[in-house]
Amino acid sequence: MYAVYGYSELFHPFSSSLKEKRMTIQSIIARMRKRFNVSVSEVSHQDLWQRSGIGFSAVSSSYSELELIIDAIRDTIENHGDDYQILSFDYRIVSWDDQV
């Protein structure tokens, strides 16, 4: 069994309010949840209207499947819109066998 967890930080230069930023973030989160079976949430910078942090995680029986999921998550964030910039995208894949 393998698990992946990660974090992406976004900058919203054209956002003028928390409401506007949250609409964008909720749209990204909804798309990721619908397309992939991942857990995803805004986990940092909730009180800032030009920055956000999205955390995600998923579990799979194969390493290669998690790599495909990571690529799809990255593509979803990169291609969702032009109203933000990706500041960071980091993740780790952990094997359950390594932990036992």
PDB file of N, CA and C in Angstrom:
ATOM      1  N   MET A   1       0.848  -1.172   0.000  1.00  0.00           N
ATOM      2  CA  MET A   1       0.000   0.000   0.000  1.00  0.00           C
ATOM      3  C   MET A   1       0.893   1.234   0.000  1.00  0.00           C
ATOM      4  N   TYR A   2       0.473   2.234  -0.754  1.00  0.00           N
ATOM      5  CA  TYR A   2       1.202   3.493  -0.849  1.00  0.00           C
ATOM      6  C   TYR A   2       0.255   4.648  -0.547  1.00  0.00           C
ATOM      7  N   ALA A   3       0.820   5.684   0.026  1.00  0.00           N
ATOM      8  CA  ALA A   3       0.050   6.902   0.316  1.00  0.00           C
ATOM      9  C   ALA A   3       0.844   8.097  -0.179  1.00  0.00           C
ATOM     10  N   VAL A   4       0.137   9.086  -0.639  1.00  0.00           N
ATOM     11  CA  VAL A   4       0.769  10.332  -1.056  1.00  0.00           C
ATOM     12  C   VAL A   4       0.107  11.470  -0.290  1.00  0.00           C
ATOM     13  N   TYR A   5       0.912  12.426   0.117  1.00  0.00           N
ATOM     14  CA  TYR A   5       0.376  13.649   0.699  1.00  0.00           C
ATOM     15  C   TYR A   5       1.179  14.807   0.135  1.00  0.00           C
ATOM     16  N   GLY A   6       0.517  15.942  -0.002  1.00  0.00           N
ATOM     17  CA  GLY A   6       1.211  17.061  -0.607  1.00  0.00           C
ATOM     18  C   GLY A   6       0.570  18.392  -0.284  1.00  0.00           C
ATOM     19  N   TYR A   7       1.218  19.425  -0.786  1.00  0.00           N
ATOM     20  CA  TYR A   7       0.815  20.790  -0.495  1.00  0.00           C
ATOM     21  C   TYR A   7       1.160  21.662  -1.693  1.00  0.00           C
ATOM     22  N   SER A   8       0.253  22.534  -2.053  1.00  0.00           N
ATOM     23  CA  SER A   8       0.504  23.505  -3.102  1.00  0.00           C
ATOM     24  C   SER A   8       0.118  24.885  -2.593  1.00  0.00           C
ATOM     25  N   GLU A   9       1.006  25.838  -2.819  1.00  0.00           N
ATOM     26  CA  GLU A   9       0.730  27.208  -2.401  1.00  0.00           C
ATOM     27  C   GLU A   9       0.480  28.051  -3.648  1.00  0.00           C
ATOM     28  N   LEU A  10      -0.594  28.842  -3.605  1.00  0.00           N
ATOM     29  CA  LEU A  10      -0.998  29.645  -4.744  1.00  0.00           C
ATOM     30  C   LEU A  10      -1.007  31.123  -4.383  1.00  0.00           C
ATOM     31  N   PHE A  11      -0.726  31.965  -5.380  1.00  0.00           N
ATOM     32  CA  PHE A  11      -0.788  33.411  -5.235  1.00  0.00           C
ATOM     33  C   PHE A  11      -1.869  33.920  -6.175  1.00  0.00           C
ATOM     34  N   HIS A  12      -2.784  34.721  -5.661  1.00  0.00           N
ATOM     35  CA  HIS A  12      -3.925  35.246  -6.415  1.00  0.00           C
ATOM     36  C   HIS A  12      -3.750  36.755  -6.600  1.00  0.00           C
ATOM     37  N   PRO A  13      -2.988  37.202  -7.610  1.00  0.00           N
ATOM     38  CA  PRO A  13      -2.696  38.631  -7.745  1.00  0.00           C
ATOM     39  C   PRO A  13      -3.911  39.479  -8.112  1.00  0.00           C
ATOM     40  N   PHE A  14      -4.920  38.882  -8.725  1.00  0.00           N
ATOM     41  CA  PHE A  14      -6.080  39.650  -9.171  1.00  0.00           C
ATOM     42  C   PHE A  14      -7.262  39.559  -8.223  1.00  0.00           C
ATOM     43  N   SER A  15      -7.102  38.818  -7.148  1.00  0.00           N
ATOM     44  CA  SER A  15      -8.178  38.665  -6.174  1.00  0.00           C
ATOM     45  C   SER A  15      -8.302  39.949  -5.347  1.00  0.00           C
ATOM     46  N   SER A  16      -9.532  40.393  -5.154  1.00  0.00           N
ATOM     47  CA  SER A  16      -9.748  41.626  -4.395  1.00  0.00           C
ATOM     48  C   SER A  16     -10.496  41.399  -3.092  1.00  0.00           C
ATOM     49  N   SER A  17     -10.827  40.123  -2.798  1.00  0.00           N
ATOM     50  CA  SER A  17     -11.536  39.827  -1.550  1.00  0.00           C
ATOM     51  C   SER A  17     -11.372  38.348  -1.206  1.00  0.00           C
ATOM     52  N   LEU A  18     -11.661  38.024   0.047  1.00  0.00           N
ATOM     53  CA  LEU A  18     -11.641  36.624   0.465  1.00  0.00           C
ATOM     54  C   LEU A  18     -12.690  35.813  -0.286  1.00  0.00           C
ATOM     55  N   LYS A  19     -13.832  36.420  -0.521  1.00  0.00           N
ATOM     56  CA  LYS A  19     -14.913  35.728  -1.221  1.00  0.00           C
ATOM     57  C   LYS A  19     -14.477  35.331  -2.633  1.00  0.00           C
ATOM     58  N   GLU A  20     -13.817  36.234  -3.317  1.00  0.00           N
ATOM     59  CA  GLU A  20     -13.344  35.946  -4.673  1.00  0.00           C
ATOM     60  C   GLU A  20     -12.302  34.827  -4.669  1.00  0.00           C
ATOM     61  N   LYS A  21     -11.363  34.887  -3.718  1.00  0.00           N
ATOM     62  CA  LYS A  21     -10.343  33.842  -3.613  1.00  0.00           C
ATOM     63  C   LYS A  21     -10.977  32.498  -3.290  1.00  0.00           C
ATOM     64  N   ARG A  22     -11.912  32.485  -2.363  1.00  0.00           N
ATOM     65  CA  ARG A  22     -12.540  31.218  -1.959  1.00  0.00           C
ATOM     66  C   ARG A  22     -13.350  30.596  -3.085  1.00  0.00           C
ATOM     67  N   MET A  23     -13.937  31.415  -3.945  1.00  0.00           N
ATOM     68  CA  MET A  23     -14.655  30.861  -5.100  1.00  0.00           C
ATOM     69  C   MET A  23     -13.689  30.101  -6.004  1.00  0.00           C
ATOM     70  N   THR A  24     -12.513  30.671  -6.226  1.00  0.00           N
ATOM     71  CA  THR A  24     -11.501  30.004  -7.050  1.00  0.00           C
ATOM     72  C   THR A  24     -11.020  28.719  -6.390  1.00  0.00           C
ATOM     73  N   ILE A  25     -10.702  28.793  -5.107  1.00  0.00           N
ATOM     74  CA  ILE A  25     -10.192  27.619  -4.376  1.00  0.00           C
ATOM     75  C   ILE A  25     -11.241  26.519  -4.326  1.00  0.00           C
ATOM     76  N   GLN A  26     -12.483  26.869  -4.027  1.00  0.00           N
ATOM     77  CA  GLN A  26     -13.547  25.855  -3.966  1.00  0.00           C
ATOM     78  C   GLN A  26     -13.761  25.198  -5.323  1.00  0.00           C
ATOM     79  N   SER A  27     -13.587  25.948  -6.391  1.00  0.00           N
ATOM     80  CA  SER A  27     -13.715  25.379  -7.733  1.00  0.00           C
ATOM     81  C   SER A  27     -12.593  24.367  -8.005  1.00  0.00           C
ATOM     82  N   ILE A  28     -11.373  24.699  -7.621  1.00  0.00           N
ATOM     83  CA  ILE A  28     -10.247  23.775  -7.788  1.00  0.00           C
ATOM     84  C   ILE A  28     -10.476  22.515  -6.956  1.00  0.00           C
ATOM     85  N   ILE A  29     -10.861  22.694  -5.705  1.00  0.00           N
ATOM     86  CA  ILE A  29     -11.083  21.564  -4.805  1.00  0.00           C
ATOM     87  C   ILE A  29     -12.200  20.659  -5.325  1.00  0.00           C
ATOM     88  N   ALA A  30     -13.301  21.251  -5.777  1.00  0.00           N
ATOM     89  CA  ALA A  30     -14.420  20.456  -6.301  1.00  0.00           C
ATOM     90  C   ALA A  30     -13.997  19.655  -7.527  1.00  0.00           C
ATOM     91  N   ARG A  31     -13.220  20.260  -8.404  1.00  0.00           N
ATOM     92  CA  ARG A  31     -12.765  19.554  -9.604  1.00  0.00           C
ATOM     93  C   ARG A  31     -11.854  18.392  -9.240  1.00  0.00           C
ATOM     94  N   MET A  32     -10.936  18.605  -8.295  1.00  0.00           N
ATOM     95  CA  MET A  32     -10.023  17.534  -7.896  1.00  0.00           C
ATOM     96  C   MET A  32     -10.773  16.387  -7.231  1.00  0.00           C
ATOM     97  N   ARG A  33     -11.737  16.703  -6.379  1.00  0.00           N
ATOM     98  CA  ARG A  33     -12.516  15.645  -5.718  1.00  0.00           C
ATOM     99  C   ARG A  33     -13.361  14.859  -6.710  1.00  0.00           C
ATOM    100  N   LYS A  34     -13.890  15.551  -7.714  1.00  0.00           N
ATOM    101  CA  LYS A  34     -14.745  14.890  -8.690  1.00  0.00           C
ATOM    102  C   LYS A  34     -13.940  13.988  -9.629  1.00  0.00           C
ATOM    103  N   ARG A  35     -12.784  14.463 -10.071  1.00  0.00           N
ATOM    104  CA  ARG A  35     -11.994  13.724 -11.050  1.00  0.00           C
ATOM    105  C   ARG A  35     -11.175  12.598 -10.439  1.00  0.00           C
ATOM    106  N   PHE A  36     -10.729  12.780  -9.203  1.00  0.00           N
ATOM    107  CA  PHE A  36      -9.852  11.804  -8.557  1.00  0.00           C
ATOM    108  C   PHE A  36     -10.390  11.534  -7.166  1.00  0.00           C
ATOM    109  N   ASN A  37     -10.125  10.375  -6.671  1.00  0.00           N
ATOM    110  CA  ASN A  37     -10.573  10.031  -5.327  1.00  0.00           C
ATOM    111  C   ASN A  37      -9.493  10.453  -4.332  1.00  0.00           C
ATOM    112  N   VAL A  38      -9.421  11.770  -4.078  1.00  0.00           N
ATOM    113  CA  VAL A  38      -8.403  12.315  -3.183  1.00  0.00           C
ATOM    114  C   VAL A  38      -9.071  13.147  -2.099  1.00  0.00           C
ATOM    115  N   SER A  39      -8.384  13.276  -0.986  1.00  0.00           N
ATOM    116  CA  SER A  39      -8.796  14.200   0.051  1.00  0.00           C
ATOM    117  C   SER A  39      -8.072  15.510  -0.215  1.00  0.00           C
ATOM    118  N   VAL A  40      -8.800  16.609  -0.213  1.00  0.00           N
ATOM    119  CA  VAL A  40      -8.192  17.899  -0.520  1.00  0.00           C
ATOM    120  C   VAL A  40      -8.917  18.989   0.254  1.00  0.00           C
ATOM    121  N   SER A  41      -8.141  19.982   0.709  1.00  0.00           N
ATOM    122  CA  SER A  41      -8.724  21.062   1.498  1.00  0.00           C
ATOM    123  C   SER A  41      -7.792  22.273   1.473  1.00  0.00           C
ATOM    124  N   GLU A  42      -8.374  23.450   1.672  1.00  0.00           N
ATOM    125  CA  GLU A  42      -7.551  24.640   1.885  1.00  0.00           C
ATOM    126  C   GLU A  42      -7.046  24.554   3.319  1.00  0.00           C
ATOM    127  N   VAL A  43      -5.735  24.527   3.494  1.00  0.00           N
ATOM    128  CA  VAL A  43      -5.171  24.264   4.815  1.00  0.00           C
ATOM    129  C   VAL A  43      -4.377  25.427   5.404  1.00  0.00           C
ATOM    130  N   SER A  44      -4.094  26.445   4.616  1.00  0.00           N
ATOM    131  CA  SER A  44      -3.356  27.582   5.163  1.00  0.00           C
ATOM    132  C   SER A  44      -3.710  28.862   4.421  1.00  0.00           C
ATOM    133  N   HIS A  45      -3.403  29.963   5.060  1.00  0.00           N
ATOM    134  CA  HIS A  45      -3.645  31.305   4.519  1.00  0.00           C
ATOM    135  C   HIS A  45      -5.125  31.584   4.274  1.00  0.00           C
ATOM    136  N   GLN A  46      -6.009  31.007   5.098  1.00  0.00           N
ATOM    137  CA  GLN A  46      -7.441  31.236   4.917  1.00  0.00           C
ATOM    138  C   GLN A  46      -7.838  32.695   5.119  1.00  0.00           C
ATOM    139  N   ASP A  47      -7.066  33.442   5.894  1.00  0.00           N
ATOM    140  CA  ASP A  47      -7.422  34.830   6.181  1.00  0.00           C
ATOM    141  C   ASP A  47      -6.774  35.834   5.222  1.00  0.00           C
ATOM    142  N   LEU A  48      -5.972  35.366   4.276  1.00  0.00           N
ATOM    143  CA  LEU A  48      -5.346  36.237   3.289  1.00  0.00           C
ATOM    144  C   LEU A  48      -6.083  36.131   1.964  1.00  0.00           C
ATOM    145  N   TRP A  49      -6.342  37.243   1.321  1.00  0.00           N
ATOM    146  CA  TRP A  49      -7.133  37.201   0.091  1.00  0.00           C
ATOM    147  C   TRP A  49      -6.298  37.067  -1.171  1.00  0.00           C
ATOM    148  N   GLN A  50      -4.966  37.041  -1.077  1.00  0.00           N
ATOM    149  CA  GLN A  50      -4.150  36.840  -2.267  1.00  0.00           C
ATOM    150  C   GLN A  50      -3.237  35.623  -2.177  1.00  0.00           C
ATOM    151  N   ARG A  51      -3.438  34.789  -1.181  1.00  0.00           N
ATOM    152  CA  ARG A  51      -2.602  33.600  -1.029  1.00  0.00           C
ATOM    153  C   ARG A  51      -3.443  32.461  -0.482  1.00  0.00           C
ATOM    154  N   SER A  52      -3.127  31.241  -0.902  1.00  0.00           N
ATOM    155  CA  SER A  52      -3.836  30.070  -0.379  1.00  0.00           C
ATOM    156  C   SER A  52      -2.903  28.864  -0.397  1.00  0.00           C
ATOM    157  N   GLY A  53      -3.185  27.941   0.495  1.00  0.00           N
ATOM    158  CA  GLY A  53      -2.448  26.690   0.566  1.00  0.00           C
ATOM    159  C   GLY A  53      -3.423  25.531   0.508  1.00  0.00           C
ATOM    160  N   ILE A  54      -3.193  24.624  -0.412  1.00  0.00           N
ATOM    161  CA  ILE A  54      -4.079  23.472  -0.608  1.00  0.00           C
ATOM    162  C   ILE A  54      -3.313  22.214  -0.233  1.00  0.00           C
ATOM    163  N   GLY A  55      -3.885  21.418   0.664  1.00  0.00           N
ATOM    164  CA  GLY A  55      -3.309  20.141   1.036  1.00  0.00           C
ATOM    165  C   GLY A  55      -4.110  19.013   0.409  1.00  0.00           C
ATOM    166  N   PHE A  56      -3.429  17.926   0.055  1.00  0.00           N
ATOM    167  CA  PHE A  56      -4.118  16.791  -0.567  1.00  0.00           C
ATOM    168  C   PHE A  56      -3.461  15.493  -0.139  1.00  0.00           C
ATOM    169  N   SER A  57      -4.236  14.407  -0.236  1.00  0.00           N
ATOM    170  CA  SER A  57      -3.702  13.076   0.067  1.00  0.00           C
ATOM    171  C   SER A  57      -4.519  12.028  -0.671  1.00  0.00           C
ATOM    172  N   ALA A  58      -3.885  10.882  -0.901  1.00  0.00           N
ATOM    173  CA  ALA A  58      -4.544   9.758  -1.568  1.00  0.00           C
ATOM    174  C   ALA A  58      -3.825   8.466  -1.184  1.00  0.00           C
ATOM    175  N   VAL A  59      -4.521   7.356  -1.340  1.00  0.00           N
ATOM    176  CA  VAL A  59      -3.979   6.033  -1.041  1.00  0.00           C
ATOM    177  C   VAL A  59      -4.222   5.133  -2.250  1.00  0.00           C
ATOM    178  N   SER A  60      -3.232   4.267  -2.540  1.00  0.00           N
ATOM    179  CA  SER A  60      -3.366   3.345  -3.661  1.00  0.00           C
ATOM    180  C   SER A  60      -2.554   2.081  -3.388  1.00  0.00           C
ATOM    181  N   SER A  61      -2.849   1.060  -4.145  1.00  0.00           N
ATOM    182  CA  SER A  61      -2.094  -0.182  -3.998  1.00  0.00           C
ATOM    183  C   SER A  61      -0.823  -0.177  -4.836  1.00  0.00           C
ATOM    184  N   SER A  62      -0.681   0.805  -5.753  1.00  0.00           N
ATOM    185  CA  SER A  62       0.516   0.822  -6.587  1.00  0.00           C
ATOM    186  C   SER A  62       1.146   2.211  -6.632  1.00  0.00           C
ATOM    187  N   TYR A  63       2.452   2.219  -6.670  1.00  0.00           N
ATOM    188  CA  TYR A  63       3.231   3.450  -6.730  1.00  0.00           C
ATOM    189  C   TYR A  63       2.945   4.202  -8.031  1.00  0.00           C
ATOM    190  N   SER A  64       2.881   3.469  -9.140  1.00  0.00           N
ATOM    191  CA  SER A  64       2.674   4.101 -10.442  1.00  0.00           C
ATOM    192  C   SER A  64       1.312   4.795 -10.536  1.00  0.00           C
ATOM    193  N   GLU A  65       0.312   4.229  -9.890  1.00  0.00           N
ATOM    194  CA  GLU A  65      -1.005   4.862  -9.893  1.00  0.00           C
ATOM    195  C   GLU A  65      -0.958   6.200  -9.144  1.00  0.00           C
ATOM    196  N   LEU A  66      -0.219   6.249  -8.054  1.00  0.00           N
ATOM    197  CA  LEU A  66      -0.079   7.508  -7.319  1.00  0.00           C
ATOM    198  C   LEU A  66       0.680   8.544  -8.141  1.00  0.00           C
ATOM    199  N   GLU A  67       1.658   8.118  -8.911  1.00  0.00           N
ATOM    200  CA  GLU A  67       2.357   9.060  -9.782  1.00  0.00           C
ATOM    201  C   GLU A  67       1.406   9.658 -10.813  1.00  0.00           C
ATOM    202  N   LEU A  68       0.509   8.840 -11.349  1.00  0.00           N
ATOM    203  CA  LEU A  68      -0.490   9.345 -12.292  1.00  0.00           C
ATOM    204  C   LEU A  68      -1.439  10.330 -11.619  1.00  0.00           C
ATOM    205  N   ILE A  69      -1.829  10.027 -10.394  1.00  0.00           N
ATOM    206  CA  ILE A  69      -2.718  10.922  -9.640  1.00  0.00           C
ATOM    207  C   ILE A  69      -2.021  12.252  -9.376  1.00  0.00           C
ATOM    208  N   ILE A  70      -0.751  12.213  -8.983  1.00  0.00           N
ATOM    209  CA  ILE A  70       0.015  13.441  -8.727  1.00  0.00           C
ATOM    210  C   ILE A  70       0.101  14.289  -9.997  1.00  0.00           C
ATOM    211  N   ASP A  71       0.411  13.653 -11.116  1.00  0.00           N
ATOM    212  CA  ASP A  71       0.476  14.389 -12.384  1.00  0.00           C
ATOM    213  C   ASP A  71      -0.865  15.025 -12.723  1.00  0.00           C
ATOM    214  N   ALA A  72      -1.950  14.300 -12.486  1.00  0.00           N
ATOM    215  CA  ALA A  72      -3.277  14.826 -12.782  1.00  0.00           C
ATOM    216  C   ALA A  72      -3.643  15.979 -11.846  1.00  0.00           C
ATOM    217  N   ILE A  73      -3.276  15.876 -10.579  1.00  0.00           N
ATOM    218  CA  ILE A  73      -3.531  16.962  -9.630  1.00  0.00           C
ATOM    219  C   ILE A  73      -2.753  18.204 -10.047  1.00  0.00           C
ATOM    220  N   ARG A  74      -1.484  18.027 -10.382  1.00  0.00           N
ATOM    221  CA  ARG A  74      -0.665  19.158 -10.823  1.00  0.00           C
ATOM    222  C   ARG A  74      -1.259  19.802 -12.076  1.00  0.00           C
ATOM    223  N   ASP A  75      -1.661  18.975 -13.043  1.00  0.00           N
ATOM    224  CA  ASP A  75      -2.277  19.506 -14.267  1.00  0.00           C
ATOM    225  C   ASP A  75      -3.572  20.252 -13.969  1.00  0.00           C
ATOM    226  N   THR A  76      -4.361  19.720 -13.047  1.00  0.00           N
ATOM    227  CA  THR A  76      -5.608  20.381 -12.676  1.00  0.00           C
ATOM    228  C   THR A  76      -5.342  21.763 -12.099  1.00  0.00           C
ATOM    229  N   ILE A  77      -4.380  21.856 -11.214  1.00  0.00           N
ATOM    230  CA  ILE A  77      -4.053  23.152 -10.610  1.00  0.00           C
ATOM    231  C   ILE A  77      -3.466  24.099 -11.652  1.00  0.00           C
ATOM    232  N   GLU A  78      -2.562  23.600 -12.480  1.00  0.00           N
ATOM    233  CA  GLU A  78      -1.913  24.454 -13.485  1.00  0.00           C
ATOM    234  C   GLU A  78      -2.890  24.943 -14.546  1.00  0.00           C
ATOM    235  N   ASN A  79      -3.835  24.113 -14.944  1.00  0.00           N
ATOM    236  CA  ASN A  79      -4.707  24.443 -16.070  1.00  0.00           C
ATOM    237  C   ASN A  79      -6.091  24.917 -15.671  1.00  0.00           C
ATOM    238  N   HIS A  80      -6.328  25.118 -14.400  1.00  0.00           N
ATOM    239  CA  HIS A  80      -7.663  25.520 -13.950  1.00  0.00           C
ATOM    240  C   HIS A  80      -8.013  26.936 -14.374  1.00  0.00           C
ATOM    241  N   GLY A  81      -7.065  27.833 -14.304  1.00  0.00           N
ATOM    242  CA  GLY A  81      -7.347  29.217 -14.664  1.00  0.00           C
ATOM    243  C   GLY A  81      -6.096  30.059 -14.685  1.00  0.00           C
ATOM    244  N   ASP A  82      -6.255  31.280 -15.172  1.00  0.00           N
ATOM    245  CA  ASP A  82      -5.131  32.198 -15.263  1.00  0.00           C
ATOM    246  C   ASP A  82      -5.155  33.257 -14.169  1.00  0.00           C
ATOM    247  N   ASP A  83      -6.018  33.095 -13.178  1.00  0.00           N
ATOM    248  CA  ASP A  83      -6.165  34.117 -12.154  1.00  0.00           C
ATOM    249  C   ASP A  83      -5.312  33.861 -10.917  1.00  0.00           C
ATOM    250  N   TYR A  84      -4.375  32.930 -10.988  1.00  0.00           N
ATOM    251  CA  TYR A  84      -3.455  32.677  -9.873  1.00  0.00           C
ATOM    252  C   TYR A  84      -2.149  32.100 -10.413  1.00  0.00           C
ATOM    253  N   GLN A  85      -1.131  32.134  -9.548  1.00  0.00           N
ATOM    254  CA  GLN A  85       0.174  31.572  -9.877  1.00  0.00           C
ATOM    255  C   GLN A  85       0.508  30.498  -8.851  1.00  0.00           C
ATOM    256  N   ILE A  86       1.155  29.444  -9.299  1.00  0.00           N
ATOM    257  CA  ILE A  86       1.585  28.381  -8.393  1.00  0.00           C
ATOM    258  C   ILE A  86       2.950  28.758  -7.822  1.00  0.00           C
ATOM    259  N   LEU A  87       3.006  28.930  -6.512  1.00  0.00           N
ATOM    260  CA  LEU A  87       4.268  29.253  -5.850  1.00  0.00           C
ATOM    261  C   LEU A  87       5.060  28.006  -5.496  1.00  0.00           C
ATOM    262  N   SER A  88       4.353  26.941  -5.110  1.00  0.00           N
ATOM    263  CA  SER A  88       5.039  25.683  -4.795  1.00  0.00           C
ATOM    264  C   SER A  88       4.082  24.516  -4.997  1.00  0.00           C
ATOM    265  N   PHE A  89       4.667  23.366  -5.273  1.00  0.00           N
ATOM    266  CA  PHE A  89       3.916  22.116  -5.390  1.00  0.00           C
ATOM    267  C   PHE A  89       4.841  21.017  -4.895  1.00  0.00           C
ATOM    268  N   ASP A  90       4.604  20.552  -3.686  1.00  0.00           N
ATOM    269  CA  ASP A  90       5.448  19.530  -3.076  1.00  0.00           C
ATOM    270  C   ASP A  90       4.601  18.346  -2.641  1.00  0.00           C
ATOM    271  N   TYR A  91       5.181  17.164  -2.722  1.00  0.00           N
ATOM    272  CA  TYR A  91       4.469  15.955  -2.300  1.00  0.00           C
ATOM    273  C   TYR A  91       5.468  14.887  -1.884  1.00  0.00           C
ATOM    274  N   ARG A  92       4.955  13.904  -1.158  1.00  0.00           N
ATOM    275  CA  ARG A  92       5.746  12.739  -0.758  1.00  0.00           C
ATOM    276  C   ARG A  92       4.894  11.499  -0.924  1.00  0.00           C
ATOM    277  N   ILE A  93       5.516  10.454  -1.436  1.00  0.00           N
ATOM    278  CA  ILE A  93       4.863   9.158  -1.543  1.00  0.00           C
ATOM    279  C   ILE A  93       5.522   8.248  -0.516  1.00  0.00           C
ATOM    280  N   VAL A  94       4.691   7.622   0.301  1.00  0.00           N
ATOM    281  CA  VAL A  94       5.173   6.777   1.383  1.00  0.00           C
ATOM    282  C   VAL A  94       4.658   5.360   1.170  1.00  0.00           C
ATOM    283  N   SER A  95       5.527   4.388   1.346  1.00  0.00           N
ATOM    284  CA  SER A  95       5.141   2.984   1.260  1.00  0.00           C
ATOM    285  C   SER A  95       4.791   2.484   2.647  1.00  0.00           C
ATOM    286  N   TRP A  96       3.695   1.776   2.768  1.00  0.00           N
ATOM    287  CA  TRP A  96       3.312   1.223   4.058  1.00  0.00           C
ATOM    288  C   TRP A  96       4.356   0.221   4.532  1.00  0.00           C
ATOM    289  N   ASP A  97       4.947  -0.532   3.618  1.00  0.00           N
ATOM    290  CA  ASP A  97       5.969  -1.521   3.962  1.00  0.00           C
ATOM    291  C   ASP A  97       7.180  -0.858   4.608  1.00  0.00           C
ATOM    292  N   ASP A  98       7.476   0.394   4.227  1.00  0.00           N
ATOM    293  CA  ASP A  98       8.607   1.114   4.829  1.00  0.00           C
ATOM    294  C   ASP A  98       8.322   1.474   6.286  1.00  0.00           C
ATOM    295  N   GLN A  99       7.064   1.577   6.660  1.00  0.00           N
ATOM    296  CA  GLN A  99       6.694   2.019   7.983  1.00  0.00           C
ATOM    297  C   GLN A  99       6.590   0.864   8.987  1.00  0.00           C
ATOM    298  N   VAL A 100       6.399  -0.341   8.497  1.00  0.00           N
ATOM    299  CA  VAL A 100       6.201  -1.490   9.373  1.00  0.00           C
ATOM    300  C   VAL A 100       7.510  -2.087   9.804  1.00  0.00           C
TER     301      VAL A 100
END
